[in-house]
Amino acid sequence: MTSKASTAAHPGEATGEHADASAAGQEAAAAVAAAGLAARAAAGQLRQMPAEGLDETLRAIAARLGERAAEVAAANSRDVQAAKAEGLASAFVDRLTLDPGRIATMADQLRALAEVGAEQARVRVRDLHDGLELQEWRRPVGVIGANFEARPNVVVDIASQLIKSRNAGVLRTGSSAIGSAGVLIDEVVGPAMASAGLDPAAIQLLRSPGHQTAFALVREPALIPLVILRGSGESTRALAREAALHGVRTLAHADGGAVIYLDSSADRKLALQLIESSLDRLGVCNRLNLLLVHGDIWEAMVPLVTELADRLGVAVSLPPHQHRLGLEWALEAGSEATITVAPAAGAAEAADIANTETSGLAAAVVAEDAAAAGQFLDAYAGTGAFWNASPRLLDGFKLLSLPETGINIDAVPGPRGPVTFRDLYLRQYAVVPRRPAV
């Protein structure tokens, strides 16, 4: 009896498409490991440099941004043209774009960060028995990873926060921004670090496109124990799940979309101003996504909101909705210029909708009635709460005068809201002999 030759691969043998994926995964893992090792080897200089030296590094980066603005703009123009040729959404292209104003803003923010005092590295907590005292020490994490959307300015935002916090880093941006990111690292950040006496290898950029590199970044707990995940959507959630499986901690920002609630006591002129100011950029996470309107002013406000939206080129989704209330329009290709408008019976119901139907990023209440505003603010559990102010203020520089590494919306203890250099440390308790009083 003869048998047909089996065409199935041996369990340990990869063939065809699977072999390609396996090879790509191995290459990505090797690239991440190499970057992590290089960053770790260079991290010692960051730990040892005086705070004044770190601040001079930030000023040097700001200066290099001005000196190399033409090279940065040229690389970014190539990225933008490629994105447009691919037919990517206008909101995506807006996030990708670095115009002269945005480059100047990046430099200004670096100089502002350099003026912020360093956090105290060692703080006395209390006296213990036997002539001892308890101190709390701040220690750098070591090497921090960052995976973020195709926004070149974030390269400098995160690099500056890592330097200020004495951490090395391994960065990965979206494939569409790799050209811009490469010039920022090679022509701006790296040379500025070297001029200040730091090893540029402390800030690594992964340059291989594709998701394999992103997944490899969250699989190195011993080398890169913390990874910042930015960018809205399922891909970021998938990376957070993968990181958890491998024992890597994350500060993840997967979902956004802000809420504004118009109370019956809202000043109509102010309400329309805040709506307009919350729609100045449609591709960012803290833009207006869901507008809730008290039933008592529904008939009066909806026509005004619709007229404003028409002028801004924004569509309005009115009841009955064929989608969930918290649908994040910035992620809906072709429909980014849309807001959802829905009624709410009062402040308590509006806060409940914001808590249960949206990501919990940010919500604002527009009200002249302090009791109604207080009811909303007390009930809303999201990351940022605003009264008669735009939720677009939920931004590191706008709130804290500091660039951010991202906005963390976790509902557990830890950094929440805009994450800055002050959050990127490990707490260590140290018991030492008590120092004599002076």
Protein backbone atom coordinates (compact mmCIF):
# COMPACT_ATOMS: atom_id res chain seq x y z
CA MET A 1 0.00 0.00 0.00
CA THR A 2 1.37 3.35 -0.96
CA SER A 3 0.56 6.67 0.64
CA LYS A 4 0.36 10.11 -0.92
CA ALA A 5 3.10 12.54 -0.01
CA SER A 6 1.87 15.03 2.55
CA THR A 7 1.86 18.69 1.48
CA ALA A 8 1.45 19.99 5.04
CA ALA A 9 4.42 21.69 6.63
CA HIS A 10 6.06 20.15 9.65
CA PRO A 11 4.79 21.90 12.82
CA GLY A 12 8.14 23.61 13.31
CA GLU A 13 8.60 24.50 9.66
CA ALA A 14 7.46 27.84 8.22
CA THR A 15 6.61 28.06 4.51
CA GLY A 16 5.51 30.72 2.05
CA GLU A 17 3.64 33.62 3.58
CA HIS A 18 4.24 32.34 7.11
CA ALA A 19 7.98 32.18 6.47
CA ASP A 20 7.96 35.80 5.31
CA ALA A 21 6.03 36.85 8.41
CA SER A 22 8.34 34.87 10.65
CA ALA A 23 11.42 36.42 9.04
CA ALA A 24 9.95 39.90 9.34
CA GLY A 25 9.13 39.27 12.98
CA GLN A 26 12.66 38.07 13.69
CA GLU A 27 14.14 41.10 11.96
CA ALA A 28 11.86 43.42 13.95
CA ALA A 29 12.77 41.71 17.22
CA ALA A 30 16.47 42.00 16.42
CA ALA A 31 16.12 45.69 15.53
CA VAL A 32 14.28 46.46 18.78
CA ALA A 33 16.78 44.51 20.87
CA ALA A 34 19.72 46.27 19.23
CA ALA A 35 18.12 49.68 19.77
CA GLY A 36 17.28 48.86 23.36
CA LEU A 37 20.80 47.69 24.13
CA ALA A 38 22.33 50.79 22.51
CA ALA A 39 19.98 53.08 24.46
CA ARG A 40 20.72 51.28 27.73
CA ALA A 41 24.47 51.57 27.17
CA ALA A 42 24.12 55.33 26.63
CA ALA A 43 21.72 55.96 29.50
CA GLY A 44 24.44 56.36 32.11
CA GLN A 45 25.37 59.83 30.88
CA LEU A 46 21.76 60.96 31.27
CA ARG A 47 21.71 59.76 34.87
CA GLN A 48 24.97 61.49 35.73
CA MET A 49 24.56 64.84 33.96
CA PRO A 50 23.64 67.82 36.17
CA ALA A 51 20.15 69.18 35.65
CA GLU A 52 21.60 72.34 34.12
CA GLY A 53 23.28 70.22 31.47
CA LEU A 54 20.00 68.51 30.57
CA ASP A 55 18.35 71.90 30.20
CA GLU A 56 21.17 73.10 27.96
CA THR A 57 20.55 70.02 25.83
CA LEU A 58 16.92 71.04 25.40
CA ARG A 59 17.96 74.56 24.41
CA ALA A 60 20.42 73.07 21.92
CA ILE A 61 17.64 70.99 20.37
CA ALA A 62 15.52 74.14 20.05
CA ALA A 63 18.40 75.94 18.36
CA ARG A 64 19.02 73.05 15.96
CA LEU A 65 15.34 73.09 15.02
CA GLY A 66 15.79 76.65 13.81
CA GLU A 67 19.07 75.91 12.08
CA ARG A 68 17.77 72.79 10.33
CA ALA A 69 14.22 74.00 9.69
CA ALA A 70 14.68 73.79 5.91
CA GLU A 71 15.85 70.16 6.05
CA VAL A 72 13.01 69.25 8.42
CA ALA A 73 10.45 70.97 6.20
CA ALA A 74 11.78 69.29 3.06
CA ALA A 75 11.60 65.82 4.60
CA ASN A 76 8.14 66.52 5.94
CA SER A 77 6.98 67.79 2.55
CA ARG A 78 8.01 64.47 1.02
CA ASP A 79 6.08 62.58 3.70
CA VAL A 80 3.01 64.76 3.23
CA GLN A 81 3.04 64.41 -0.55
CA ALA A 82 3.34 60.64 -0.24
CA ALA A 83 0.41 60.56 2.20
CA LYS A 84 -1.72 62.63 -0.16
CA ALA A 85 -0.78 60.38 -3.08
CA GLU A 86 -1.98 57.39 -1.04
CA GLY A 87 -5.30 59.15 -0.53
CA LEU A 88 -4.97 59.32 3.25
CA ALA A 89 -7.58 61.37 5.09
CA SER A 90 -7.18 65.12 5.47
CA ALA A 91 -7.15 64.82 9.27
CA PHE A 92 -4.28 62.32 9.01
CA VAL A 93 -2.37 64.67 6.71
CA ASP A 94 -2.96 67.54 9.13
CA ARG A 95 -1.37 65.56 11.99
CA LEU A 96 1.54 64.66 9.73
CA THR A 97 2.26 68.21 8.60
CA LEU A 98 5.04 70.37 10.04
CA ASP A 99 4.64 73.93 8.79
CA PRO A 100 6.92 76.79 9.90
CA GLY A 101 4.50 77.75 12.67
CA ARG A 102 4.48 74.26 14.14
CA ILE A 103 8.27 73.99 13.95
CA ALA A 104 8.57 77.31 15.77
CA THR A 105 6.10 76.12 18.40
CA MET A 106 8.18 72.97 18.95
CA ALA A 107 11.25 75.12 19.60
CA ASP A 108 9.35 77.43 21.94
CA GLN A 109 8.08 74.48 23.95
CA LEU A 110 11.60 73.07 24.29
CA ARG A 111 12.87 76.37 25.63
CA ALA A 112 9.94 76.55 28.04
CA LEU A 113 10.67 73.01 29.26
CA ALA A 114 14.30 73.96 29.87
CA GLU A 115 13.11 76.66 32.27
CA VAL A 116 11.13 74.20 34.39
CA GLY A 117 12.95 73.17 37.54
CA ALA A 118 14.02 69.57 37.98
CA GLU A 119 12.10 67.41 40.38
CA GLN A 120 13.87 66.83 43.71
CA ALA A 121 15.63 63.48 43.47
CA ARG A 122 15.61 62.70 47.20
CA VAL A 123 13.00 63.78 49.73
CA ARG A 124 12.99 63.09 53.47
CA VAL A 125 9.76 61.38 54.56
CA ARG A 126 10.13 60.92 58.32
CA ASP A 127 12.41 59.92 61.17
CA LEU A 128 12.65 56.27 62.20
CA HIS A 129 14.00 54.71 65.38
CA ASP A 130 17.65 54.04 66.09
CA GLY A 131 18.84 57.26 64.48
CA LEU A 132 17.49 56.40 61.03
CA GLU A 133 15.34 58.33 58.60
CA LEU A 134 13.14 57.35 55.66
CA GLN A 135 13.72 59.01 52.31
CA GLU A 136 11.91 58.75 49.02
CA TRP A 137 14.17 58.65 45.98
CA ARG A 138 13.21 59.23 42.34
CA ARG A 139 15.02 56.94 39.93
CA PRO A 140 14.88 56.89 36.13
CA VAL A 141 13.09 53.93 34.56
CA GLY A 142 16.10 53.27 32.31
CA VAL A 143 14.91 52.71 28.74
CA ILE A 144 11.36 53.70 27.82
CA GLY A 145 9.73 52.74 24.55
CA ALA A 146 7.25 54.89 22.66
CA ASN A 147 4.98 53.93 19.79
CA PHE A 148 3.01 56.83 18.41
CA GLU A 149 0.96 58.00 15.47
CA ALA A 150 2.45 59.62 12.36
CA ARG A 151 2.98 63.01 14.02
CA PRO A 152 6.60 64.16 13.62
CA ASN A 153 6.36 66.77 16.37
CA VAL A 154 5.83 63.93 18.84
CA VAL A 155 9.39 62.73 18.14
CA VAL A 156 10.72 65.90 19.77
CA ASP A 157 8.02 66.02 22.45
CA ILE A 158 8.86 62.54 23.70
CA ALA A 159 12.63 62.83 23.25
CA SER A 160 12.65 66.02 25.31
CA GLN A 161 10.60 64.46 28.11
CA LEU A 162 12.91 61.45 28.21
CA ILE A 163 16.02 63.62 28.38
CA LYS A 164 14.52 65.81 31.11
CA SER A 165 13.58 62.71 33.13
CA ARG A 166 17.04 61.10 32.58
CA ASN A 167 15.60 58.17 30.63
CA ALA A 168 16.87 56.70 27.39
CA GLY A 169 14.31 55.76 24.76
CA VAL A 170 13.39 53.67 21.75
CA LEU A 171 10.89 55.47 19.53
CA ARG A 172 8.66 54.21 16.75
CA THR A 173 6.34 56.40 14.71
CA GLY A 174 3.79 55.64 12.01
CA SER A 175 5.27 54.61 8.66
CA SER A 176 4.10 57.81 6.96
CA ALA A 177 6.27 59.95 9.25
CA ILE A 178 9.51 57.96 9.22
CA GLY A 179 11.22 60.38 6.83
CA SER A 180 10.45 63.42 8.97
CA ALA A 181 11.29 61.54 12.17
CA GLY A 182 14.63 60.43 10.79
CA VAL A 183 15.70 63.98 9.97
CA LEU A 184 14.57 65.20 13.40
CA ILE A 185 16.69 62.57 15.13
CA ASP A 186 19.70 62.71 12.80
CA GLU A 187 19.88 66.47 12.22
CA VAL A 188 18.33 67.93 15.35
CA VAL A 189 18.08 65.78 18.47
CA GLY A 190 21.22 63.67 18.05
CA PRO A 191 23.66 66.47 17.22
CA ALA A 192 22.22 68.66 19.99
CA MET A 193 22.75 65.88 22.51
CA ALA A 194 26.31 65.37 21.32
CA SER A 195 27.06 69.10 21.57
CA ALA A 196 25.91 69.03 25.21
CA GLY A 197 28.06 66.04 26.10
CA LEU A 198 25.41 63.32 25.89
CA ASP A 199 25.58 60.17 23.81
CA PRO A 200 23.00 60.51 20.98
CA ALA A 201 22.53 56.75 21.12
CA ALA A 202 20.37 57.26 24.21
CA ILE A 203 17.46 58.21 21.92
CA GLN A 204 16.90 55.52 19.31
CA LEU A 205 14.49 55.63 16.36
CA LEU A 206 13.15 52.43 14.82
CA ARG A 207 13.04 52.99 11.07
CA SER A 208 11.50 49.79 9.74
CA PRO A 209 7.87 50.28 8.67
CA GLY A 210 5.17 47.80 9.56
CA HIS A 211 3.39 46.55 12.64
CA GLN A 212 5.93 43.81 13.36
CA THR A 213 8.28 46.42 14.81
CA ALA A 214 5.53 47.86 17.00
CA PHE A 215 4.73 44.45 18.45
CA ALA A 216 8.42 43.68 18.97
CA LEU A 217 8.72 46.90 20.97
CA VAL A 218 6.28 45.64 23.62
CA ARG A 219 7.93 42.23 24.04
CA GLU A 220 11.15 43.21 25.85
CA PRO A 221 10.30 43.52 29.56
CA ALA A 222 13.89 43.20 30.78
CA LEU A 223 15.21 45.77 28.31
CA ILE A 224 12.27 48.15 27.75
CA PRO A 225 9.98 47.70 30.78
CA LEU A 226 7.68 50.65 29.99
CA VAL A 227 6.22 51.61 26.61
CA ILE A 228 4.17 54.73 25.87
CA LEU A 229 1.43 53.90 23.38
CA ARG A 230 -0.19 56.74 21.48
CA GLY A 231 -2.61 56.73 18.59
CA SER A 232 -6.29 56.02 18.63
CA GLY A 233 -7.91 52.78 17.67
CA GLU A 234 -7.76 49.02 17.82
CA SER A 235 -4.07 48.83 16.87
CA THR A 236 -3.08 50.61 20.09
CA ARG A 237 -5.40 48.42 22.15
CA ALA A 238 -3.86 45.34 20.52
CA LEU A 239 -0.37 46.55 21.44
CA ALA A 240 -1.46 47.13 25.04
CA ARG A 241 -2.82 43.58 25.23
CA GLU A 242 0.38 42.18 23.74
CA ALA A 243 2.48 44.17 26.21
CA ALA A 244 0.47 42.77 29.13
CA LEU A 245 1.09 39.23 27.91
CA HIS A 246 4.85 39.89 27.97
CA GLY A 247 4.99 41.73 31.31
CA VAL A 248 5.61 45.16 29.79
CA ARG A 249 3.85 48.09 31.44
CA THR A 250 2.21 50.66 29.20
CA LEU A 251 0.87 54.18 29.34
CA ALA A 252 -1.71 53.75 26.61
CA HIS A 253 -3.91 56.25 24.84
CA ALA A 254 -6.05 54.29 22.39
CA ASP A 255 -9.26 56.30 22.30
CA GLY A 256 -10.26 59.95 22.37
CA GLY A 257 -13.14 62.22 21.51
CA ALA A 258 -14.30 65.05 23.76
CA VAL A 259 -17.80 65.87 25.01
CA ILE A 260 -19.46 69.23 25.53
CA TYR A 261 -22.74 69.46 27.47
CA LEU A 262 -24.88 72.57 27.04
CA ASP A 263 -26.95 73.06 30.18
CA SER A 264 -30.26 74.89 30.06
CA SER A 265 -28.49 77.83 31.74
CA ALA A 266 -25.72 77.98 29.12
CA ASP A 267 -24.79 81.33 27.64
CA ARG A 268 -25.53 80.79 23.95
CA LYS A 269 -22.75 83.03 22.64
CA LEU A 270 -20.18 81.31 24.85
CA ALA A 271 -21.53 77.88 23.90
CA LEU A 272 -21.05 78.57 20.19
CA GLN A 273 -17.58 80.00 20.80
CA LEU A 274 -16.51 76.88 22.70
CA ILE A 275 -17.96 74.57 20.06
CA GLU A 276 -16.05 76.41 17.33
CA SER A 277 -12.78 76.48 19.28
CA SER A 278 -13.14 72.75 19.95
CA LEU A 279 -13.30 72.01 16.21
CA ASP A 280 -10.19 73.90 15.12
CA ARG A 281 -8.40 70.62 14.32
CA LEU A 282 -10.40 67.54 13.45
CA GLY A 283 -7.64 64.94 13.66
CA VAL A 284 -6.69 65.39 17.31
CA CYS A 285 -7.99 63.34 20.21
CA ASN A 286 -9.39 66.19 22.30
CA ARG A 287 -11.58 67.75 19.61
CA LEU A 288 -15.35 67.95 20.08
CA ASN A 289 -16.90 64.62 19.20
CA LEU A 290 -20.23 64.50 21.08
CA LEU A 291 -22.39 67.52 21.85
CA LEU A 292 -25.10 66.99 24.46
CA VAL A 293 -27.87 69.59 24.67
CA HIS A 294 -30.35 70.01 27.52
CA GLY A 295 -33.86 69.23 26.37
CA ASP A 296 -35.17 72.65 27.44
CA ILE A 297 -32.92 74.43 24.91
CA TRP A 298 -32.84 71.74 22.22
CA GLU A 299 -35.18 73.50 19.81
CA ALA A 300 -33.34 76.81 20.16
CA MET A 301 -29.73 75.55 20.11
CA VAL A 302 -29.74 72.82 17.45
CA PRO A 303 -30.41 75.24 14.54
CA LEU A 304 -27.62 77.51 15.80
CA VAL A 305 -25.22 74.57 16.13
CA THR A 306 -26.14 73.30 12.67
CA GLU A 307 -25.58 76.73 11.15
CA LEU A 308 -22.18 76.99 12.84
CA ALA A 309 -21.22 73.48 11.73
CA ASP A 310 -22.21 74.26 8.14
CA ARG A 311 -19.95 77.32 8.20
CA LEU A 312 -17.07 75.19 9.52
CA GLY A 313 -17.66 72.43 6.98
CA VAL A 314 -18.65 69.96 9.69
CA ALA A 315 -21.57 67.54 9.37
CA VAL A 316 -24.01 67.05 12.23
CA SER A 317 -25.35 63.62 13.17
CA LEU A 318 -28.76 64.12 14.78
CA PRO A 319 -31.17 61.60 16.34
CA PRO A 320 -32.11 58.93 15.57
CA HIS A 321 -28.47 57.84 15.40
CA GLN A 322 -27.38 54.84 13.37
CA HIS A 323 -24.19 54.59 15.39
CA ARG A 324 -23.16 54.55 19.04
CA LEU A 325 -23.15 57.97 20.65
CA GLY A 326 -19.45 57.89 21.44
CA LEU A 327 -18.26 56.97 17.94
CA GLU A 328 -14.91 58.74 17.50
CA TRP A 329 -15.28 60.59 14.22
CA ALA A 330 -11.56 61.36 13.94
CA LEU A 331 -11.04 57.65 13.22
CA GLU A 332 -13.78 57.38 10.60
CA ALA A 333 -12.07 57.83 7.23
CA GLY A 334 -14.06 60.24 5.11
CA SER A 335 -16.30 61.31 7.99
CA GLU A 336 -13.78 63.05 10.25
CA ALA A 337 -15.60 66.36 9.81
CA THR A 338 -18.63 65.19 11.80
CA ILE A 339 -20.01 65.69 15.29
CA THR A 340 -22.78 63.81 17.07
CA VAL A 341 -25.51 65.89 18.69
CA ALA A 342 -27.86 64.30 21.21
CA PRO A 343 -30.28 65.45 23.92
CA ALA A 344 -29.73 65.10 27.66
CA ALA A 345 -32.34 65.52 30.39
CA GLY A 346 -29.92 67.28 32.70
CA ALA A 347 -26.40 67.42 34.10
CA ALA A 348 -26.55 63.99 35.75
CA GLU A 349 -27.70 62.25 32.58
CA ALA A 350 -25.14 64.13 30.48
CA ALA A 351 -22.32 63.03 32.78
CA ASP A 352 -23.60 59.46 32.71
CA ILE A 353 -23.59 59.48 28.91
CA ALA A 354 -20.07 60.88 28.87
CA ASN A 355 -18.92 58.23 31.35
CA THR A 356 -20.53 55.24 29.66
CA GLU A 357 -20.61 56.08 25.97
CA THR A 358 -17.19 57.70 25.42
CA SER A 359 -13.54 57.01 26.15
CA GLY A 360 -13.47 59.22 29.24
CA LEU A 361 -10.87 61.54 27.76
CA ALA A 362 -12.44 64.94 28.40
CA ALA A 363 -15.82 66.60 28.90
CA ALA A 364 -16.95 70.18 29.36
CA VAL A 365 -20.11 71.68 30.78
CA VAL A 366 -21.34 75.07 29.59
CA ALA A 367 -23.54 76.54 32.31
CA GLU A 368 -24.23 79.75 34.18
CA ASP A 369 -25.92 77.76 36.94
CA ALA A 370 -23.15 76.76 39.36
CA ALA A 371 -25.26 73.97 40.83
CA ALA A 372 -25.79 72.36 37.44
CA ALA A 373 -22.10 72.71 36.57
CA GLY A 374 -21.14 71.21 39.92
CA GLN A 375 -23.48 68.29 39.41
CA PHE A 376 -21.89 67.52 36.06
CA LEU A 377 -18.32 67.89 37.29
CA ASP A 378 -18.95 65.78 40.38
CA ALA A 379 -20.45 62.97 38.30
CA TYR A 380 -18.04 62.94 35.38
CA ALA A 381 -15.15 60.53 36.00
CA GLY A 382 -13.03 61.16 32.91
CA THR A 383 -9.47 62.41 32.67
CA GLY A 384 -10.21 66.10 32.19
CA ALA A 385 -13.29 68.07 33.29
CA PHE A 386 -13.98 71.64 32.18
CA TRP A 387 -16.52 74.32 33.10
CA ASN A 388 -17.12 77.03 30.51
CA ALA A 389 -13.86 76.05 28.84
CA SER A 390 -12.92 74.02 25.77
CA PRO A 391 -11.89 70.38 26.22
CA ARG A 392 -9.10 71.15 23.76
CA LEU A 393 -7.27 72.45 26.84
CA LEU A 394 -6.55 68.83 27.78
CA ASP A 395 -3.03 69.09 26.45
CA GLY A 396 0.29 69.02 28.27
CA PHE A 397 1.47 72.43 27.14
CA LYS A 398 -1.91 74.17 27.39
CA LEU A 399 -2.57 72.83 30.89
CA LEU A 400 0.87 72.49 32.41
CA SER A 401 3.17 74.52 30.14
CA LEU A 402 4.98 71.25 29.43
CA PRO A 403 5.17 69.06 26.35
CA GLU A 404 3.57 65.67 26.92
CA THR A 405 4.49 62.12 26.01
CA GLY A 406 0.78 61.37 25.64
CA ILE A 407 -2.51 61.46 27.53
CA ASN A 408 -3.19 58.49 29.77
CA ILE A 409 -6.87 57.70 30.34
CA ASP A 410 -6.46 54.67 32.60
CA ALA A 411 -9.00 54.32 35.40
CA VAL A 412 -6.40 52.91 37.82
CA PRO A 413 -3.76 54.55 40.05
CA GLY A 414 -0.84 56.02 38.17
CA PRO A 415 -0.18 58.95 35.84
CA ARG A 416 -3.46 60.19 34.36
CA GLY A 417 -4.10 62.93 31.87
CA PRO A 418 -1.13 64.54 30.08
CA VAL A 419 1.99 62.55 30.98
CA THR A 420 5.16 64.62 31.37
CA PHE A 421 8.74 64.10 32.53
CA ARG A 422 7.53 64.35 36.14
CA ASP A 423 5.71 61.03 35.74
CA LEU A 424 8.55 59.02 34.17
CA TYR A 425 10.31 57.78 37.27
CA LEU A 426 10.41 54.92 39.75
CA ARG A 427 9.86 55.49 43.46
CA GLN A 428 12.38 53.95 45.78
CA TYR A 429 12.30 54.06 49.59
CA ALA A 430 15.68 54.37 51.25
CA VAL A 431 16.43 54.08 54.98
CA VAL A 432 19.64 55.93 55.89
CA PRO A 433 21.27 57.30 59.01
CA ARG A 434 19.58 60.47 60.17
CA ARG A 435 21.55 63.57 59.35
CA PRO A 436 22.29 65.90 62.26
CA ALA A 437 20.13 69.01 62.36
CA VAL A 438 21.99 72.08 61.17
